[in-house]
Amino acid sequence: MLVLFPNSDLRTAKLRPALVVQANDLNTGLQQVLVAMISSKLMRANHPSRIFVSRATSGRDTGLLVDSVVMTDNLATVSLNAVSRVIGTMPAMNEVDAALRYTLGL
């Protein structure tokens, strides 16, 4: 999805792709969603908390325009009002699960 993702200063934000990483049936009653940042800076890819997404393979379903990196070490809770639109789906969920386990120490 495209979301207004907060910068670390929490004063500014940037519209960028992000991956929803919360359970589908979480149902907290809060109008928010937990997301992981997606970056096009491939130099960030070589870490166990990050997943390289190739546009040539699984990246087609994601709606991403370029090869990218899902950064499970950069999570944010954002208001549903900050969500611009859904752009695709992430088929490599086992890799995302492993990266989240590493990030969260589970």
Protein backbone atom coordinates (compact mmCIF):
# COMPACT_ATOMS: atom_id res chain seq x y z
CA MET A 1 0.00 0.00 0.00
CA LEU A 2 1.01 3.61 -0.35
CA VAL A 3 1.05 5.27 3.04
CA LEU A 4 2.17 8.52 4.59
CA PHE A 5 5.09 6.92 6.49
CA PRO A 6 6.48 8.96 9.41
CA ASN A 7 10.15 9.88 9.47
CA SER A 8 12.10 9.07 12.63
CA ASP A 9 11.72 12.67 13.86
CA LEU A 10 7.92 12.05 13.98
CA ARG A 11 7.41 15.58 12.63
CA THR A 12 7.59 14.83 8.93
CA ALA A 13 6.39 12.02 6.71
CA LYS A 14 6.76 10.78 3.16
CA LEU A 15 4.31 9.01 0.89
CA ARG A 16 5.92 5.64 0.27
CA PRO A 17 5.11 1.97 -0.19
CA ALA A 18 4.71 -0.06 2.97
CA LEU A 19 3.76 -3.61 3.88
CA VAL A 20 1.01 -4.34 6.40
CA VAL A 21 2.55 -6.66 9.01
CA GLN A 22 -0.31 -7.10 11.48
CA ALA A 23 -2.73 -10.01 11.58
CA ASN A 24 -5.71 -9.71 9.23
CA ASP A 25 -8.16 -10.36 12.07
CA LEU A 26 -6.48 -8.22 14.75
CA ASN A 27 -9.70 -6.20 15.28
CA THR A 28 -8.42 -3.81 17.96
CA GLY A 29 -11.15 -1.30 17.25
CA LEU A 30 -8.50 1.32 16.53
CA GLN A 31 -8.40 3.01 13.13
CA GLN A 32 -4.73 2.21 12.55
CA VAL A 33 -2.48 -0.34 10.91
CA LEU A 34 1.05 -1.63 11.61
CA VAL A 35 3.31 -1.36 8.55
CA ALA A 36 6.93 -1.97 7.53
CA MET A 37 8.69 0.58 5.37
CA ILE A 38 9.65 -0.35 1.80
CA SER A 39 12.70 1.32 0.28
CA SER A 40 14.12 1.41 -3.22
CA LYS A 41 17.66 1.86 -1.82
CA LEU A 42 19.01 -1.64 -2.48
CA MET A 43 22.16 -1.04 -0.43
CA ARG A 44 19.89 -1.56 2.61
CA ALA A 45 19.08 -5.16 1.65
CA ASN A 46 21.88 -7.17 3.24
CA HIS A 47 20.48 -7.66 6.74
CA PRO A 48 18.39 -10.49 8.28
CA SER A 49 15.60 -8.02 9.12
CA ARG A 50 15.19 -7.00 5.48
CA ILE A 51 13.76 -8.71 2.42
CA PHE A 52 14.85 -7.98 -1.14
CA VAL A 53 11.89 -7.87 -3.53
CA SER A 54 12.77 -8.35 -7.18
CA ARG A 55 10.34 -6.78 -9.56
CA ALA A 56 11.24 -9.47 -12.12
CA THR A 57 9.86 -12.26 -9.91
CA SER A 58 7.62 -11.80 -6.87
CA GLY A 59 7.72 -8.03 -7.25
CA ARG A 60 5.10 -8.09 -10.01
CA ASP A 61 2.27 -8.80 -7.56
CA THR A 62 3.46 -6.14 -5.13
CA GLY A 63 2.72 -3.18 -7.36
CA LEU A 64 6.22 -1.84 -6.73
CA LEU A 65 7.74 0.07 -9.62
CA VAL A 66 11.38 -0.92 -8.96
CA ASP A 67 13.36 -3.58 -7.07
CA SER A 68 12.88 -2.79 -3.40
CA VAL A 69 13.64 -3.76 0.19
CA VAL A 70 11.04 -4.47 2.88
CA MET A 71 12.52 -3.18 6.13
CA THR A 72 10.96 -5.01 9.08
CA ASP A 73 13.34 -3.10 11.34
CA ASN A 74 11.49 0.13 10.42
CA LEU A 75 7.92 -0.35 11.62
CA ALA A 76 5.26 2.27 12.19
CA THR A 77 1.68 2.37 13.37
CA VAL A 78 -0.21 4.71 11.08
CA SER A 79 -3.77 5.96 10.98
CA LEU A 80 -5.98 4.50 8.28
CA ASN A 81 -6.35 8.10 7.11
CA ALA A 82 -2.63 8.00 6.19
CA VAL A 83 -3.24 5.15 3.74
CA SER A 84 -3.41 6.45 0.20
CA ARG A 85 -4.24 3.20 -1.61
CA VAL A 86 -3.47 -0.49 -1.92
CA ILE A 87 -0.99 -1.17 -4.73
CA GLY A 88 -0.50 -4.96 -4.53
CA THR A 89 0.19 -8.04 -2.43
CA MET A 90 3.36 -9.61 -1.02
CA PRO A 91 3.64 -13.32 -1.94
CA ALA A 92 6.88 -13.98 0.03
CA MET A 93 5.28 -14.00 3.47
CA ASN A 94 7.55 -16.75 4.89
CA GLU A 95 10.52 -14.46 4.35
CA VAL A 96 8.66 -11.58 5.95
CA ASP A 97 7.76 -13.76 8.95
CA ALA A 98 11.42 -14.75 9.40
CA ALA A 99 12.58 -11.14 9.14
CA LEU A 100 9.98 -10.02 11.69
CA ARG A 101 11.03 -12.80 14.07
CA TYR A 102 14.63 -11.61 13.76
CA THR A 103 13.68 -7.95 14.27
CA LEU A 104 11.48 -8.65 17.29
CA GLY A 105 13.66 -11.36 18.81
CA LEU A 106 10.93 -14.00 18.70
